[in-house]
Amino acid sequence: MLSVEGTFQDGVVQLDQPVAGREGQRVIIVFLQEESEAAVADSDSAWGDFAMLLKDCQVNTGIRDLAHQHDHYLHGTPKRED
């Protein structure tokens, strides 16, 4: 994976340096926090963000023992007794 810094302005990304041999390649753009925002962020907010991500990504499968019996549901192994 190649990382290149740049600036987003008026709907266009301007790279800080040229990148050869990547013409037409699809990209994913990740917006970084501004330095002032990053200085304010602390470990509590990072854990809060992580908890929110977990909540946003959870899926209700209706299977009550999925975590305990994941090998059974994923790989077809016999259910565990414990």
N, C-alpha and C. Protein backbone atom coordinates (compact mmCIF):
# COMPACT_ATOMS: atom_id res chain seq x y z
N MET A 1 0.85 -1.17 0.00
CA MET A 1 0.00 0.00 0.00
C MET A 1 0.89 1.23 0.00
N LEU A 2 0.54 2.19 -0.79
CA LEU A 2 1.29 3.43 -0.92
C LEU A 2 0.53 4.55 -0.24
N SER A 3 1.19 5.32 0.59
CA SER A 3 0.57 6.48 1.23
C SER A 3 1.21 7.75 0.68
N VAL A 4 0.38 8.70 0.29
CA VAL A 4 0.85 9.97 -0.25
C VAL A 4 0.05 11.07 0.41
N GLU A 5 0.73 12.10 0.87
CA GLU A 5 0.04 13.23 1.49
C GLU A 5 -0.37 14.24 0.44
N GLY A 6 -1.43 14.97 0.76
CA GLY A 6 -1.92 15.99 -0.14
C GLY A 6 -2.94 16.86 0.56
N THR A 7 -3.62 17.69 -0.22
CA THR A 7 -4.63 18.61 0.31
C THR A 7 -5.88 18.51 -0.53
N PHE A 8 -7.03 18.54 0.12
CA PHE A 8 -8.32 18.49 -0.55
C PHE A 8 -8.87 19.91 -0.60
N GLN A 9 -9.12 20.43 -1.81
CA GLN A 9 -9.63 21.78 -1.95
C GLN A 9 -10.53 21.86 -3.17
N ASP A 10 -11.71 22.46 -2.98
CA ASP A 10 -12.68 22.63 -4.07
C ASP A 10 -13.01 21.31 -4.76
N GLY A 11 -13.10 20.21 -3.96
CA GLY A 11 -13.48 18.92 -4.50
C GLY A 11 -12.39 18.17 -5.23
N VAL A 12 -11.16 18.67 -5.15
CA VAL A 12 -10.04 18.04 -5.86
C VAL A 12 -8.90 17.80 -4.88
N VAL A 13 -8.24 16.65 -5.01
CA VAL A 13 -7.08 16.34 -4.18
C VAL A 13 -5.82 16.78 -4.93
N GLN A 14 -5.00 17.56 -4.26
CA GLN A 14 -3.71 17.97 -4.81
C GLN A 14 -2.64 17.24 -4.00
N LEU A 15 -1.86 16.37 -4.67
CA LEU A 15 -0.82 15.63 -3.99
C LEU A 15 0.39 16.51 -3.71
N ASP A 16 1.06 16.25 -2.59
CA ASP A 16 2.27 17.01 -2.23
C ASP A 16 3.46 16.59 -3.07
N GLN A 17 3.40 15.40 -3.65
CA GLN A 17 4.51 14.92 -4.48
C GLN A 17 3.94 14.10 -5.64
N PRO A 18 4.61 14.06 -6.77
CA PRO A 18 4.11 13.26 -7.90
C PRO A 18 4.23 11.77 -7.60
N VAL A 19 3.31 11.00 -8.17
CA VAL A 19 3.33 9.54 -8.02
C VAL A 19 3.34 8.94 -9.42
N ALA A 20 4.41 8.25 -9.76
CA ALA A 20 4.56 7.67 -11.09
C ALA A 20 3.96 6.27 -11.15
N GLY A 21 3.45 5.89 -12.33
CA GLY A 21 3.00 4.53 -12.56
C GLY A 21 1.69 4.15 -11.92
N ARG A 22 0.87 5.09 -11.50
CA ARG A 22 -0.39 4.77 -10.83
C ARG A 22 -1.60 5.31 -11.58
N GLU A 23 -1.43 5.77 -12.79
CA GLU A 23 -2.51 6.38 -13.56
C GLU A 23 -3.70 5.43 -13.68
N GLY A 24 -4.88 5.90 -13.35
CA GLY A 24 -6.11 5.13 -13.47
C GLY A 24 -6.37 4.17 -12.32
N GLN A 25 -5.45 4.07 -11.36
CA GLN A 25 -5.64 3.16 -10.23
C GLN A 25 -6.65 3.75 -9.26
N ARG A 26 -7.55 2.90 -8.75
CA ARG A 26 -8.54 3.35 -7.78
C ARG A 26 -7.85 3.66 -6.45
N VAL A 27 -8.41 4.60 -5.70
CA VAL A 27 -7.82 5.01 -4.43
C VAL A 27 -8.91 5.12 -3.37
N ILE A 28 -8.48 5.10 -2.13
CA ILE A 28 -9.34 5.42 -0.98
C ILE A 28 -8.71 6.63 -0.31
N ILE A 29 -9.51 7.64 -0.06
CA ILE A 29 -9.02 8.85 0.58
C ILE A 29 -9.47 8.86 2.03
N VAL A 30 -8.54 9.03 2.95
CA VAL A 30 -8.83 9.11 4.38
C VAL A 30 -8.50 10.52 4.83
N PHE A 31 -9.48 11.21 5.39
CA PHE A 31 -9.25 12.57 5.87
C PHE A 31 -8.64 12.52 7.26
N LEU A 32 -7.49 13.15 7.42
CA LEU A 32 -6.79 13.18 8.70
C LEU A 32 -7.31 14.32 9.56
N GLN A 33 -7.18 14.15 10.89
CA GLN A 33 -7.57 15.22 11.79
C GLN A 33 -6.59 16.38 11.66
N GLU A 34 -7.10 17.57 11.84
CA GLU A 34 -6.22 18.72 11.88
C GLU A 34 -5.37 18.62 13.15
N GLU A 35 -4.21 19.24 13.17
CA GLU A 35 -3.33 19.16 14.32
C GLU A 35 -4.01 19.65 15.59
N SER A 36 -4.80 20.72 15.51
CA SER A 36 -5.46 21.24 16.70
C SER A 36 -6.48 20.25 17.22
N GLU A 37 -7.19 19.54 16.33
CA GLU A 37 -8.15 18.52 16.74
C GLU A 37 -7.43 17.34 17.37
N ALA A 38 -6.30 16.95 16.78
CA ALA A 38 -5.56 15.81 17.30
C ALA A 38 -5.01 16.09 18.68
N ALA A 39 -4.61 17.33 18.95
CA ALA A 39 -4.09 17.68 20.26
C ALA A 39 -5.17 17.58 21.32
N VAL A 40 -6.41 17.87 20.95
CA VAL A 40 -7.51 17.82 21.89
C VAL A 40 -7.94 16.38 22.17
N ALA A 41 -7.83 15.52 21.16
CA ALA A 41 -8.25 14.12 21.31
C ALA A 41 -7.37 13.43 22.34
N ASP A 42 -8.00 12.63 23.21
CA ASP A 42 -7.24 11.87 24.20
C ASP A 42 -7.69 10.42 24.15
N SER A 43 -7.11 9.60 25.01
CA SER A 43 -7.39 8.17 24.95
C SER A 43 -8.85 7.88 25.27
N ASP A 44 -9.50 8.68 26.13
CA ASP A 44 -10.90 8.44 26.44
C ASP A 44 -11.77 8.59 25.20
N SER A 45 -11.53 9.63 24.41
CA SER A 45 -12.33 9.83 23.21
C SER A 45 -12.03 8.75 22.18
N ALA A 46 -10.79 8.27 22.13
CA ALA A 46 -10.45 7.20 21.20
C ALA A 46 -11.20 5.93 21.57
N TRP A 47 -11.29 5.61 22.86
CA TRP A 47 -12.04 4.44 23.29
C TRP A 47 -13.53 4.64 23.02
N GLY A 48 -14.01 5.86 23.19
CA GLY A 48 -15.40 6.16 22.89
C GLY A 48 -15.69 5.97 21.41
N ASP A 49 -14.78 6.43 20.56
CA ASP A 49 -14.92 6.24 19.11
C ASP A 49 -14.93 4.76 18.76
N PHE A 50 -14.06 3.99 19.42
CA PHE A 50 -13.99 2.55 19.17
C PHE A 50 -15.29 1.87 19.59
N ALA A 51 -15.82 2.25 20.75
CA ALA A 51 -17.08 1.67 21.21
C ALA A 51 -18.22 2.01 20.25
N MET A 52 -18.23 3.23 19.73
CA MET A 52 -19.25 3.63 18.77
C MET A 52 -19.12 2.84 17.48
N LEU A 53 -17.89 2.61 17.03
CA LEU A 53 -17.66 1.81 15.83
C LEU A 53 -18.18 0.39 16.02
N LEU A 54 -17.89 -0.21 17.17
CA LEU A 54 -18.38 -1.56 17.44
C LEU A 54 -19.91 -1.59 17.43
N LYS A 55 -20.52 -0.59 18.03
CA LYS A 55 -21.99 -0.53 18.06
C LYS A 55 -22.55 -0.37 16.65
N ASP A 56 -21.93 0.48 15.85
CA ASP A 56 -22.40 0.72 14.48
C ASP A 56 -22.26 -0.51 13.60
N CYS A 57 -21.26 -1.36 13.87
CA CYS A 57 -20.97 -2.50 13.01
C CYS A 57 -21.63 -3.80 13.48
N GLN A 58 -22.28 -3.79 14.64
CA GLN A 58 -22.86 -5.04 15.14
C GLN A 58 -24.03 -5.48 14.27
N VAL A 59 -24.19 -6.79 14.18
CA VAL A 59 -25.24 -7.38 13.37
C VAL A 59 -26.04 -8.32 14.27
N ASN A 60 -27.35 -8.19 14.28
CA ASN A 60 -28.20 -9.08 15.05
C ASN A 60 -28.53 -10.29 14.18
N THR A 61 -27.90 -11.43 14.49
CA THR A 61 -28.11 -12.64 13.71
C THR A 61 -29.28 -13.46 14.25
N GLY A 62 -29.70 -13.18 15.48
CA GLY A 62 -30.74 -13.97 16.11
C GLY A 62 -30.20 -15.27 16.71
N ILE A 63 -28.91 -15.50 16.62
CA ILE A 63 -28.29 -16.70 17.18
C ILE A 63 -27.72 -16.32 18.54
N ARG A 64 -28.34 -16.81 19.60
CA ARG A 64 -27.98 -16.37 20.96
C ARG A 64 -26.61 -16.86 21.41
N ASP A 65 -26.16 -18.02 20.91
CA ASP A 65 -24.88 -18.57 21.36
C ASP A 65 -23.78 -18.42 20.30
N LEU A 66 -23.90 -17.47 19.41
CA LEU A 66 -22.96 -17.32 18.30
C LEU A 66 -21.52 -17.12 18.78
N ALA A 67 -21.30 -16.27 19.76
CA ALA A 67 -19.94 -16.03 20.23
C ALA A 67 -19.35 -17.29 20.86
N HIS A 68 -20.13 -18.00 21.63
CA HIS A 68 -19.65 -19.20 22.33
C HIS A 68 -19.47 -20.37 21.37
N GLN A 69 -20.31 -20.48 20.36
CA GLN A 69 -20.29 -21.62 19.45
C GLN A 69 -19.85 -21.23 18.03
N HIS A 70 -18.99 -20.23 17.91
CA HIS A 70 -18.63 -19.73 16.58
C HIS A 70 -18.02 -20.80 15.68
N ASP A 71 -17.22 -21.73 16.22
CA ASP A 71 -16.65 -22.78 15.39
C ASP A 71 -17.74 -23.67 14.78
N HIS A 72 -18.79 -23.91 15.55
CA HIS A 72 -19.90 -24.72 15.04
C HIS A 72 -20.57 -24.01 13.86
N TYR A 73 -20.85 -22.72 14.01
CA TYR A 73 -21.57 -21.99 12.96
C TYR A 73 -20.68 -21.66 11.76
N LEU A 74 -19.40 -21.44 11.98
CA LEU A 74 -18.50 -21.10 10.88
C LEU A 74 -17.94 -22.31 10.16
N HIS A 75 -17.60 -23.35 10.93
CA HIS A 75 -16.86 -24.47 10.35
C HIS A 75 -17.60 -25.81 10.43
N GLY A 76 -18.77 -25.84 11.06
CA GLY A 76 -19.56 -27.06 11.14
C GLY A 76 -19.07 -28.06 12.16
N THR A 77 -18.21 -27.64 13.08
CA THR A 77 -17.75 -28.55 14.13
C THR A 77 -18.88 -28.80 15.11
N PRO A 78 -18.82 -29.90 15.88
CA PRO A 78 -19.88 -30.15 16.86
C PRO A 78 -19.92 -29.02 17.90
N LYS A 79 -21.12 -28.75 18.42
CA LYS A 79 -21.27 -27.71 19.45
C LYS A 79 -20.49 -28.10 20.70
N ARG A 80 -19.92 -27.12 21.35
CA ARG A 80 -19.19 -27.33 22.60
C ARG A 80 -20.19 -27.56 23.74
N GLU A 81 -19.81 -28.37 24.68
CA GLU A 81 -20.67 -28.69 25.80
C GLU A 81 -20.54 -27.69 26.95
N ASP A 82 -19.41 -27.03 27.09
CA ASP A 82 -19.18 -26.16 28.27
C ASP A 82 -19.85 -24.87 28.17
